[in-house]
Amino acid sequence: MLKRKDVLTTGQVAQICNVAPRTVTKWFDSGQLRGYRIPGSRDRRIPVSELIRFMKANNIPTDTLEKGHIRILLIDSSEEMCTSFETMLTSKGAFDIRCVHTSFDAGLLAQKFLPNIILINLMASAIDAHQLCLQIRQNNDLKDSKIIAIAAGLGETEVKSLQKNGFDATVTDPQNPEQILGAIQQVCSIL
């Protein structure tokens, strides 16, 4: 069951794109805009991620969707690092960022906040990143959340191992804001 607004009606899509609802229906029926039909109904639903892909492919401005859209949960045992990451990310885009310092707090906040992106510092002492990743992957409410590992100096083999174990992307230079933003863009196709 979806608890957040990740799926839109054709009417909502029409408002966002400044077109008539019938136009959205045509896009959907022709296969240009992917989504699904409600069983036993003619109503259509379009996932936000698919709408953003469609809008970008057709040069439709995505400002309405992107503003404050990306929720990021940052998990790092260092309060200083959390503050540093939060400051850096908010200066680069419209992100809603929450920081936690333990795996337990991460689990509690993830259930309430339902982040789009979860950034986990693998070097954090109070966090079992691999166990946390496994628990997130097993939680249906968080199945659409993308998990990004942060660890300086990892090699290609280690990065591939992290991806095999459920991480969607890895940042190997945490001091490089462009690499972090690139990883966010890679996993959610929003920026």
N, C-alpha and C. Protein backbone atom coordinates (compact mmCIF):
# COMPACT_ATOMS: atom_id res chain seq x y z
N MET A 1 0.84 -1.19 0.00
CA MET A 1 0.00 0.00 0.00
C MET A 1 0.87 1.24 0.00
N LEU A 2 0.62 2.16 -0.91
CA LEU A 2 1.40 3.39 -0.99
C LEU A 2 0.92 4.39 0.04
N LYS A 3 1.85 4.93 0.80
CA LYS A 3 1.50 5.92 1.81
C LYS A 3 1.88 7.32 1.37
N ARG A 4 2.63 7.42 0.30
CA ARG A 4 3.05 8.73 -0.16
C ARG A 4 2.54 8.96 -1.57
N LYS A 5 2.62 10.18 -2.02
CA LYS A 5 2.08 10.56 -3.33
C LYS A 5 3.09 10.22 -4.41
N ASP A 6 3.21 8.92 -4.75
CA ASP A 6 4.12 8.49 -5.80
C ASP A 6 3.38 8.17 -7.08
N VAL A 7 2.05 8.21 -7.04
CA VAL A 7 1.23 7.88 -8.19
C VAL A 7 0.21 8.98 -8.38
N LEU A 8 0.01 9.40 -9.64
CA LEU A 8 -0.90 10.51 -9.93
C LEU A 8 -2.02 10.07 -10.85
N THR A 9 -3.14 10.78 -10.76
CA THR A 9 -4.26 10.55 -11.68
C THR A 9 -3.98 11.30 -12.98
N THR A 10 -4.75 11.02 -14.02
CA THR A 10 -4.57 11.74 -15.28
C THR A 10 -4.91 13.22 -15.11
N GLY A 11 -5.87 13.53 -14.25
CA GLY A 11 -6.21 14.93 -13.97
C GLY A 11 -5.06 15.68 -13.32
N GLN A 12 -4.39 15.02 -12.37
CA GLN A 12 -3.25 15.66 -11.71
C GLN A 12 -2.10 15.86 -12.69
N VAL A 13 -1.87 14.86 -13.54
CA VAL A 13 -0.82 14.98 -14.56
C VAL A 13 -1.15 16.13 -15.51
N ALA A 14 -2.42 16.25 -15.89
CA ALA A 14 -2.84 17.33 -16.79
C ALA A 14 -2.55 18.70 -16.17
N GLN A 15 -2.83 18.85 -14.88
CA GLN A 15 -2.55 20.12 -14.19
C GLN A 15 -1.06 20.41 -14.18
N ILE A 16 -0.26 19.41 -13.87
CA ILE A 16 1.20 19.60 -13.80
C ILE A 16 1.77 19.98 -15.16
N CYS A 17 1.26 19.34 -16.23
CA CYS A 17 1.78 19.59 -17.58
C CYS A 17 1.06 20.72 -18.32
N ASN A 18 0.04 21.31 -17.68
CA ASN A 18 -0.75 22.37 -18.29
C ASN A 18 -1.38 21.95 -19.61
N VAL A 19 -2.01 20.77 -19.60
CA VAL A 19 -2.71 20.27 -20.77
C VAL A 19 -4.09 19.76 -20.33
N ALA A 20 -4.91 19.41 -21.28
CA ALA A 20 -6.23 18.86 -20.98
C ALA A 20 -6.09 17.40 -20.54
N PRO A 21 -6.96 16.93 -19.66
CA PRO A 21 -6.91 15.52 -19.23
C PRO A 21 -6.96 14.55 -20.41
N ARG A 22 -7.70 14.91 -21.46
CA ARG A 22 -7.80 14.05 -22.64
C ARG A 22 -6.43 13.85 -23.31
N THR A 23 -5.59 14.88 -23.27
CA THR A 23 -4.24 14.79 -23.82
C THR A 23 -3.42 13.76 -23.06
N VAL A 24 -3.55 13.77 -21.74
CA VAL A 24 -2.83 12.80 -20.91
C VAL A 24 -3.31 11.39 -21.23
N THR A 25 -4.62 11.24 -21.41
CA THR A 25 -5.18 9.93 -21.76
C THR A 25 -4.60 9.44 -23.09
N LYS A 26 -4.47 10.34 -24.05
CA LYS A 26 -3.88 9.97 -25.35
C LYS A 26 -2.43 9.53 -25.19
N TRP A 27 -1.65 10.28 -24.38
CA TRP A 27 -0.26 9.91 -24.13
C TRP A 27 -0.20 8.51 -23.52
N PHE A 28 -1.09 8.26 -22.56
CA PHE A 28 -1.12 6.96 -21.87
C PHE A 28 -1.50 5.85 -22.85
N ASP A 29 -2.59 6.04 -23.59
CA ASP A 29 -3.09 5.00 -24.50
C ASP A 29 -2.13 4.70 -25.65
N SER A 30 -1.32 5.69 -26.04
CA SER A 30 -0.36 5.47 -27.13
C SER A 30 0.94 4.84 -26.62
N GLY A 31 1.08 4.75 -25.29
CA GLY A 31 2.29 4.15 -24.72
C GLY A 31 3.42 5.12 -24.48
N GLN A 32 3.23 6.40 -24.80
CA GLN A 32 4.27 7.39 -24.56
C GLN A 32 4.49 7.63 -23.06
N LEU A 33 3.40 7.60 -22.31
CA LEU A 33 3.42 7.80 -20.86
C LEU A 33 2.97 6.50 -20.23
N ARG A 34 3.87 5.87 -19.49
CA ARG A 34 3.55 4.56 -18.92
C ARG A 34 2.93 4.69 -17.53
N GLY A 35 2.11 3.71 -17.22
CA GLY A 35 1.44 3.65 -15.93
C GLY A 35 0.61 2.38 -15.89
N TYR A 36 -0.51 2.44 -15.20
CA TYR A 36 -1.38 1.26 -15.13
C TYR A 36 -2.82 1.70 -14.97
N ARG A 37 -3.72 0.76 -15.26
CA ARG A 37 -5.15 1.00 -15.08
C ARG A 37 -5.59 0.39 -13.75
N ILE A 38 -6.55 1.04 -13.12
CA ILE A 38 -7.14 0.50 -11.90
C ILE A 38 -8.00 -0.70 -12.30
N PRO A 39 -7.79 -1.87 -11.68
CA PRO A 39 -8.59 -3.05 -12.05
C PRO A 39 -10.09 -2.78 -11.92
N GLY A 40 -10.84 -3.18 -12.93
CA GLY A 40 -12.29 -3.00 -12.93
C GLY A 40 -12.73 -1.59 -13.22
N SER A 41 -11.82 -0.78 -13.74
CA SER A 41 -12.12 0.63 -13.97
C SER A 41 -11.38 1.09 -15.23
N ARG A 42 -11.77 2.24 -15.75
CA ARG A 42 -11.04 2.82 -16.88
C ARG A 42 -10.02 3.85 -16.39
N ASP A 43 -9.97 4.09 -15.09
CA ASP A 43 -9.06 5.07 -14.52
C ASP A 43 -7.61 4.64 -14.69
N ARG A 44 -6.78 5.60 -14.93
CA ARG A 44 -5.35 5.36 -15.13
C ARG A 44 -4.56 6.01 -14.00
N ARG A 45 -3.40 5.43 -13.71
CA ARG A 45 -2.50 5.99 -12.71
C ARG A 45 -1.10 6.04 -13.30
N ILE A 46 -0.40 7.14 -13.01
CA ILE A 46 0.94 7.34 -13.56
C ILE A 46 1.91 7.55 -12.40
N PRO A 47 2.94 6.71 -12.28
CA PRO A 47 3.96 6.92 -11.24
C PRO A 47 4.70 8.24 -11.49
N VAL A 48 5.03 8.95 -10.43
CA VAL A 48 5.72 10.23 -10.54
C VAL A 48 7.04 10.06 -11.29
N SER A 49 7.78 8.99 -11.00
CA SER A 49 9.07 8.79 -11.67
C SER A 49 8.88 8.66 -13.19
N GLU A 50 7.80 8.01 -13.62
CA GLU A 50 7.52 7.87 -15.05
C GLU A 50 7.12 9.22 -15.65
N LEU A 51 6.35 10.00 -14.91
CA LEU A 51 5.95 11.32 -15.39
C LEU A 51 7.19 12.20 -15.58
N ILE A 52 8.10 12.17 -14.64
CA ILE A 52 9.31 12.98 -14.76
C ILE A 52 10.13 12.55 -15.98
N ARG A 53 10.26 11.24 -16.19
CA ARG A 53 10.98 10.74 -17.37
C ARG A 53 10.32 11.27 -18.65
N PHE A 54 9.00 11.16 -18.71
CA PHE A 54 8.25 11.61 -19.87
C PHE A 54 8.41 13.12 -20.09
N MET A 55 8.30 13.89 -19.01
CA MET A 55 8.41 15.34 -19.13
C MET A 55 9.80 15.75 -19.63
N LYS A 56 10.83 15.12 -19.10
CA LYS A 56 12.19 15.45 -19.54
C LYS A 56 12.41 15.06 -21.00
N ALA A 57 11.89 13.90 -21.39
CA ALA A 57 12.05 13.43 -22.77
C ALA A 57 11.34 14.35 -23.76
N ASN A 58 10.29 15.04 -23.31
CA ASN A 58 9.52 15.92 -24.18
C ASN A 58 9.71 17.40 -23.87
N ASN A 59 10.77 17.72 -23.15
CA ASN A 59 11.13 19.10 -22.82
C ASN A 59 10.00 19.87 -22.13
N ILE A 60 9.26 19.19 -21.27
CA ILE A 60 8.23 19.85 -20.46
C ILE A 60 8.89 20.20 -19.13
N PRO A 61 8.82 21.45 -18.69
CA PRO A 61 9.46 21.84 -17.42
C PRO A 61 8.97 20.98 -16.25
N THR A 62 9.93 20.53 -15.42
CA THR A 62 9.59 19.67 -14.28
C THR A 62 9.65 20.41 -12.94
N ASP A 63 9.73 21.73 -12.99
CA ASP A 63 9.86 22.53 -11.76
C ASP A 63 8.78 22.21 -10.73
N THR A 64 7.54 22.05 -11.17
CA THR A 64 6.43 21.80 -10.27
C THR A 64 6.64 20.52 -9.47
N LEU A 65 7.17 19.50 -10.11
CA LEU A 65 7.38 18.22 -9.43
C LEU A 65 8.63 18.20 -8.58
N GLU A 66 9.67 18.86 -9.05
CA GLU A 66 10.96 18.75 -8.38
C GLU A 66 11.06 19.55 -7.09
N LYS A 67 10.31 20.61 -6.96
CA LYS A 67 10.42 21.47 -5.80
C LYS A 67 10.08 20.70 -4.53
N GLY A 68 11.08 20.44 -3.70
CA GLY A 68 10.86 19.75 -2.44
C GLY A 68 10.46 18.30 -2.59
N HIS A 69 10.63 17.76 -3.77
CA HIS A 69 10.15 16.40 -4.03
C HIS A 69 11.04 15.32 -3.44
N ILE A 70 12.33 15.51 -3.47
CA ILE A 70 13.24 14.45 -3.06
C ILE A 70 13.47 14.48 -1.55
N ARG A 71 13.05 13.38 -0.92
CA ARG A 71 13.26 13.22 0.53
C ARG A 71 14.50 12.35 0.72
N ILE A 72 15.45 12.88 1.47
CA ILE A 72 16.71 12.17 1.69
C ILE A 72 16.87 11.87 3.17
N LEU A 73 17.15 10.61 3.48
CA LEU A 73 17.50 10.21 4.84
C LEU A 73 19.00 9.96 4.84
N LEU A 74 19.72 10.73 5.65
CA LEU A 74 21.16 10.62 5.75
C LEU A 74 21.50 9.91 7.06
N ILE A 75 22.22 8.80 6.94
CA ILE A 75 22.56 8.00 8.12
C ILE A 75 24.07 8.05 8.31
N ASP A 76 24.47 8.71 9.39
CA ASP A 76 25.89 8.87 9.70
C ASP A 76 26.02 9.06 11.21
N SER A 77 26.95 8.37 11.83
CA SER A 77 27.09 8.47 13.28
C SER A 77 27.69 9.81 13.72
N SER A 78 28.30 10.53 12.81
CA SER A 78 28.91 11.82 13.12
C SER A 78 27.92 12.95 12.86
N GLU A 79 27.59 13.68 13.91
CA GLU A 79 26.68 14.82 13.78
C GLU A 79 27.29 15.90 12.87
N GLU A 80 28.60 16.07 12.96
CA GLU A 80 29.29 17.06 12.13
C GLU A 80 29.18 16.71 10.64
N MET A 81 29.37 15.41 10.31
CA MET A 81 29.27 14.99 8.92
C MET A 81 27.85 15.16 8.40
N CYS A 82 26.87 14.83 9.23
CA CYS A 82 25.47 15.01 8.83
C CYS A 82 25.20 16.46 8.49
N THR A 83 25.63 17.35 9.36
CA THR A 83 25.41 18.78 9.15
C THR A 83 26.11 19.25 7.87
N SER A 84 27.33 18.77 7.66
CA SER A 84 28.09 19.13 6.47
C SER A 84 27.38 18.66 5.19
N PHE A 85 26.95 17.39 5.18
CA PHE A 85 26.22 16.86 4.02
C PHE A 85 24.92 17.61 3.79
N GLU A 86 24.21 17.87 4.87
CA GLU A 86 22.92 18.56 4.76
C GLU A 86 23.11 19.95 4.16
N THR A 87 24.09 20.69 4.64
CA THR A 87 24.37 22.03 4.14
C THR A 87 24.75 21.98 2.65
N MET A 88 25.61 21.02 2.31
CA MET A 88 26.06 20.89 0.93
C MET A 88 24.89 20.55 0.01
N LEU A 89 24.05 19.60 0.40
CA LEU A 89 22.94 19.17 -0.46
C LEU A 89 21.87 20.25 -0.60
N THR A 90 21.53 20.92 0.49
CA THR A 90 20.49 21.94 0.40
C THR A 90 20.95 23.14 -0.42
N SER A 91 22.25 23.35 -0.51
CA SER A 91 22.75 24.45 -1.35
C SER A 91 22.68 24.08 -2.83
N LYS A 92 22.54 22.80 -3.14
CA LYS A 92 22.54 22.34 -4.53
C LYS A 92 21.16 22.04 -5.10
N GLY A 93 20.13 21.94 -4.24
CA GLY A 93 18.82 21.59 -4.76
C GLY A 93 17.75 21.64 -3.70
N ALA A 94 16.52 21.36 -4.12
CA ALA A 94 15.36 21.39 -3.22
C ALA A 94 15.18 20.01 -2.60
N PHE A 95 15.92 19.75 -1.55
CA PHE A 95 15.86 18.46 -0.88
C PHE A 95 15.27 18.63 0.52
N ASP A 96 14.50 17.64 0.93
CA ASP A 96 14.02 17.56 2.30
C ASP A 96 14.89 16.51 2.97
N ILE A 97 15.81 16.95 3.84
CA ILE A 97 16.83 16.05 4.39
C ILE A 97 16.61 15.85 5.89
N ARG A 98 16.71 14.60 6.30
CA ARG A 98 16.66 14.24 7.72
C ARG A 98 17.92 13.44 8.01
N CYS A 99 18.51 13.69 9.18
CA CYS A 99 19.73 12.99 9.58
C CYS A 99 19.47 12.15 10.83
N VAL A 100 20.06 10.97 10.86
CA VAL A 100 20.03 10.12 12.06
C VAL A 100 21.43 9.58 12.28
N HIS A 101 21.68 9.13 13.53
CA HIS A 101 23.04 8.74 13.89
C HIS A 101 23.19 7.28 14.29
N THR A 102 22.09 6.52 14.33
CA THR A 102 22.17 5.10 14.65
C THR A 102 21.25 4.30 13.72
N SER A 103 21.51 3.02 13.62
CA SER A 103 20.66 2.16 12.79
C SER A 103 19.24 2.11 13.32
N PHE A 104 19.10 2.10 14.64
CA PHE A 104 17.77 2.05 15.24
C PHE A 104 16.96 3.29 14.86
N ASP A 105 17.57 4.46 15.02
CA ASP A 105 16.89 5.70 14.66
C ASP A 105 16.58 5.74 13.16
N ALA A 106 17.47 5.18 12.36
CA ALA A 106 17.25 5.14 10.91
C ALA A 106 16.00 4.33 10.59
N GLY A 107 15.85 3.20 11.25
CA GLY A 107 14.67 2.36 11.02
C GLY A 107 13.38 3.05 11.40
N LEU A 108 13.40 3.73 12.54
CA LEU A 108 12.20 4.44 13.00
C LEU A 108 11.83 5.59 12.06
N LEU A 109 12.81 6.41 11.71
CA LEU A 109 12.53 7.57 10.87
C LEU A 109 12.17 7.16 9.44
N ALA A 110 12.81 6.12 8.93
CA ALA A 110 12.51 5.68 7.56
C ALA A 110 11.04 5.29 7.43
N GLN A 111 10.47 4.65 8.43
CA GLN A 111 9.06 4.26 8.40
C GLN A 111 8.12 5.46 8.34
N LYS A 112 8.49 6.54 9.01
CA LYS A 112 7.64 7.74 9.04
C LYS A 112 7.90 8.66 7.85
N PHE A 113 9.15 8.84 7.51
CA PHE A 113 9.58 9.81 6.51
C PHE A 113 9.45 9.28 5.08
N LEU A 114 9.55 7.97 4.90
CA LEU A 114 9.48 7.32 3.58
C LEU A 114 10.37 8.04 2.56
N PRO A 115 11.69 7.98 2.78
CA PRO A 115 12.61 8.72 1.90
C PRO A 115 12.67 8.16 0.49
N ASN A 116 12.95 9.06 -0.46
CA ASN A 116 13.23 8.63 -1.83
C ASN A 116 14.65 8.07 -1.91
N ILE A 117 15.56 8.72 -1.17
CA ILE A 117 16.98 8.37 -1.17
C ILE A 117 17.42 8.14 0.27
N ILE A 118 18.21 7.08 0.46
CA ILE A 118 18.83 6.83 1.76
C ILE A 118 20.34 6.81 1.54
N LEU A 119 21.02 7.77 2.14
CA LEU A 119 22.48 7.85 2.07
C LEU A 119 23.04 7.24 3.35
N ILE A 120 23.89 6.23 3.22
CA ILE A 120 24.46 5.57 4.39
C ILE A 120 25.98 5.68 4.34
N ASN A 121 26.55 6.26 5.39
CA ASN A 121 28.00 6.34 5.50
C ASN A 121 28.51 4.99 5.99
N LEU A 122 29.22 4.25 5.15
CA LEU A 122 29.71 2.93 5.52
C LEU A 122 30.80 2.99 6.59
N MET A 123 31.42 4.15 6.76
CA MET A 123 32.48 4.29 7.73
C MET A 123 31.96 4.68 9.12
N ALA A 124 30.66 4.89 9.24
CA ALA A 124 30.08 5.31 10.51
C ALA A 124 30.16 4.18 11.53
N SER A 125 30.60 4.52 12.72
CA SER A 125 30.86 3.49 13.74
C SER A 125 29.59 2.88 14.34
N ALA A 126 28.53 3.64 14.49
CA ALA A 126 27.33 3.14 15.17
C ALA A 126 26.30 2.55 14.21
N ILE A 127 26.74 2.25 12.99
CA ILE A 127 25.79 1.80 11.97
C ILE A 127 26.30 0.53 11.29
N ASP A 128 25.44 -0.48 11.26
CA ASP A 128 25.73 -1.69 10.50
C ASP A 128 25.05 -1.50 9.13
N ALA A 129 25.78 -0.91 8.20
CA ALA A 129 25.21 -0.50 6.91
C ALA A 129 24.65 -1.68 6.12
N HIS A 130 25.34 -2.79 6.14
CA HIS A 130 24.88 -3.95 5.35
C HIS A 130 23.58 -4.52 5.92
N GLN A 131 23.49 -4.62 7.22
CA GLN A 131 22.27 -5.11 7.85
C GLN A 131 21.13 -4.12 7.62
N LEU A 132 21.43 -2.85 7.71
CA LEU A 132 20.43 -1.81 7.49
C LEU A 132 19.90 -1.88 6.05
N CYS A 133 20.79 -2.05 5.09
CA CYS A 133 20.39 -2.17 3.69
C CYS A 133 19.47 -3.37 3.51
N LEU A 134 19.81 -4.49 4.12
CA LEU A 134 19.00 -5.70 4.02
C LEU A 134 17.60 -5.47 4.59
N GLN A 135 17.52 -4.80 5.73
CA GLN A 135 16.22 -4.54 6.35
C GLN A 135 15.37 -3.60 5.50
N ILE A 136 15.99 -2.61 4.91
CA ILE A 136 15.27 -1.68 4.03
C ILE A 136 14.71 -2.44 2.82
N ARG A 137 15.52 -3.30 2.24
CA ARG A 137 15.10 -4.07 1.06
C ARG A 137 13.94 -5.01 1.38
N GLN A 138 13.83 -5.44 2.63
CA GLN A 138 12.76 -6.38 3.02
C GLN A 138 11.48 -5.66 3.44
N ASN A 139 11.51 -4.34 3.52
CA ASN A 139 10.36 -3.56 3.98
C ASN A 139 9.56 -3.07 2.76
N ASN A 140 8.33 -3.52 2.63
CA ASN A 140 7.49 -3.14 1.48
C ASN A 140 7.26 -1.64 1.39
N ASP A 141 7.14 -0.95 2.53
CA ASP A 141 6.92 0.49 2.52
C ASP A 141 8.12 1.25 1.95
N LEU A 142 9.30 0.63 1.98
CA LEU A 142 10.52 1.29 1.53
C LEU A 142 11.06 0.71 0.23
N LYS A 143 10.25 -0.11 -0.44
CA LYS A 143 10.74 -0.82 -1.63
C LYS A 143 11.18 0.13 -2.75
N ASP A 144 10.61 1.34 -2.80
CA ASP A 144 10.99 2.29 -3.85
C ASP A 144 12.13 3.21 -3.44
N SER A 145 12.55 3.13 -2.18
CA SER A 145 13.68 3.95 -1.72
C SER A 145 14.97 3.46 -2.35
N LYS A 146 15.79 4.39 -2.76
CA LYS A 146 17.09 4.07 -3.35
C LYS A 146 18.16 4.26 -2.28
N ILE A 147 19.09 3.30 -2.20
CA ILE A 147 20.12 3.32 -1.16
C ILE A 147 21.47 3.61 -1.79
N ILE A 148 22.12 4.65 -1.27
CA ILE A 148 23.43 5.04 -1.76
C ILE A 148 24.45 4.89 -0.64
N ALA A 149 25.50 4.12 -0.91
CA ALA A 149 26.58 3.94 0.06
C ALA A 149 27.58 5.08 -0.10
N ILE A 150 28.08 5.56 1.03
CA ILE A 150 29.12 6.59 1.00
C ILE A 150 30.34 6.03 1.72
N ALA A 151 31.46 5.94 1.01
CA ALA A 151 32.71 5.46 1.61
C ALA A 151 33.87 5.90 0.73
N ALA A 152 34.82 6.55 1.35
CA ALA A 152 35.97 7.06 0.60
C ALA A 152 36.89 5.92 0.19
N GLY A 153 37.43 6.04 -1.02
CA GLY A 153 38.50 5.16 -1.46
C GLY A 153 38.14 3.72 -1.80
N LEU A 154 36.91 3.43 -2.11
CA LEU A 154 36.55 2.06 -2.47
C LEU A 154 36.98 1.76 -3.91
N GLY A 155 37.38 0.53 -4.13
CA GLY A 155 37.76 0.10 -5.46
C GLY A 155 36.55 -0.44 -6.22
N GLU A 156 36.77 -0.76 -7.50
CA GLU A 156 35.69 -1.23 -8.36
C GLU A 156 35.08 -2.54 -7.84
N THR A 157 35.90 -3.44 -7.33
CA THR A 157 35.41 -4.72 -6.80
C THR A 157 34.50 -4.49 -5.61
N GLU A 158 34.90 -3.58 -4.73
CA GLU A 158 34.07 -3.28 -3.54
C GLU A 158 32.75 -2.62 -3.93
N VAL A 159 32.80 -1.75 -4.92
CA VAL A 159 31.59 -1.08 -5.39
C VAL A 159 30.62 -2.11 -5.98
N LYS A 160 31.14 -3.04 -6.79
CA LYS A 160 30.29 -4.09 -7.36
C LYS A 160 29.70 -4.97 -6.28
N SER A 161 30.47 -5.25 -5.26
CA SER A 161 29.99 -6.06 -4.14
C SER A 161 28.84 -5.36 -3.41
N LEU A 162 28.95 -4.06 -3.24
CA LEU A 162 27.87 -3.29 -2.59
C LEU A 162 26.60 -3.35 -3.43
N GLN A 163 26.74 -3.21 -4.73
CA GLN A 163 25.58 -3.27 -5.61
C GLN A 163 24.93 -4.66 -5.56
N LYS A 164 25.75 -5.68 -5.48
CA LYS A 164 25.24 -7.04 -5.37
C LYS A 164 24.45 -7.23 -4.07
N ASN A 165 24.85 -6.49 -3.04
CA ASN A 165 24.22 -6.61 -1.72
C ASN A 165 23.09 -5.62 -1.49
N GLY A 166 22.59 -4.97 -2.55
CA GLY A 166 21.39 -4.16 -2.42
C GLY A 166 21.55 -2.66 -2.51
N PHE A 167 22.77 -2.16 -2.57
CA PHE A 167 22.96 -0.72 -2.72
C PHE A 167 22.76 -0.34 -4.18
N ASP A 168 22.08 0.78 -4.41
CA ASP A 168 21.79 1.22 -5.77
C ASP A 168 22.95 1.99 -6.39
N ALA A 169 23.76 2.65 -5.57
CA ALA A 169 24.90 3.43 -6.06
C ALA A 169 25.89 3.60 -4.93
N THR A 170 27.09 4.03 -5.30
CA THR A 170 28.14 4.25 -4.30
C THR A 170 28.85 5.55 -4.59
N VAL A 171 29.11 6.31 -3.54
CA VAL A 171 29.88 7.55 -3.63
C VAL A 171 31.23 7.26 -2.99
N THR A 172 32.30 7.35 -3.79
CA THR A 172 33.63 7.04 -3.27
C THR A 172 34.43 8.28 -2.89
N ASP A 173 33.87 9.46 -3.16
CA ASP A 173 34.51 10.72 -2.76
C ASP A 173 33.47 11.59 -2.07
N PRO A 174 33.27 11.37 -0.76
CA PRO A 174 32.22 12.08 -0.03
C PRO A 174 32.41 13.60 0.02
N GLN A 175 33.60 14.08 -0.27
CA GLN A 175 33.85 15.52 -0.25
C GLN A 175 33.47 16.19 -1.58
N ASN A 176 33.08 15.38 -2.56
CA ASN A 176 32.76 15.90 -3.89
C ASN A 176 31.24 16.00 -4.06
N PRO A 177 30.67 17.21 -3.92
CA PRO A 177 29.22 17.37 -4.03
C PRO A 177 28.67 16.88 -5.37
N GLU A 178 29.45 17.06 -6.44
CA GLU A 178 28.98 16.65 -7.77
C GLU A 178 28.82 15.13 -7.86
N GLN A 179 29.71 14.39 -7.20
CA GLN A 179 29.59 12.93 -7.21
C GLN A 179 28.35 12.49 -6.44
N ILE A 180 28.06 13.15 -5.33
CA ILE A 180 26.87 12.82 -4.55
C ILE A 180 25.61 13.14 -5.36
N LEU A 181 25.56 14.33 -5.94
CA LEU A 181 24.40 14.70 -6.77
C LEU A 181 24.27 13.78 -7.98
N GLY A 182 25.41 13.39 -8.55
CA GLY A 182 25.39 12.46 -9.69
C GLY A 182 24.80 11.10 -9.29
N ALA A 183 25.15 10.63 -8.09
CA ALA A 183 24.60 9.36 -7.62
C ALA A 183 23.10 9.47 -7.38
N ILE A 184 22.66 10.59 -6.84
CA ILE A 184 21.22 10.81 -6.62
C ILE A 184 20.50 10.84 -7.96
N GLN A 185 21.07 11.56 -8.91
CA GLN A 185 20.47 11.62 -10.25
C GLN A 185 20.43 10.25 -10.91
N GLN A 186 21.48 9.50 -10.75
CA GLN A 186 21.58 8.16 -11.35
C GLN A 186 20.47 7.24 -10.84
N VAL A 187 20.19 7.28 -9.55
CA VAL A 187 19.22 6.32 -8.99
C VAL A 187 17.77 6.75 -9.09
N CYS A 188 17.53 8.05 -9.20
CA CYS A 188 16.11 8.44 -9.23
C CYS A 188 15.69 9.25 -10.43
N SER A 189 16.60 9.57 -11.31
CA SER A 189 16.27 10.27 -12.56
C SER A 189 15.40 11.50 -12.35
N ILE A 190 15.74 12.30 -11.35
CA ILE A 190 14.93 13.49 -11.06
C ILE A 190 15.67 14.76 -11.38
N LEU A 191 16.97 14.79 -11.19
CA LEU A 191 17.69 16.06 -11.37
C LEU A 191 18.06 16.30 -12.81
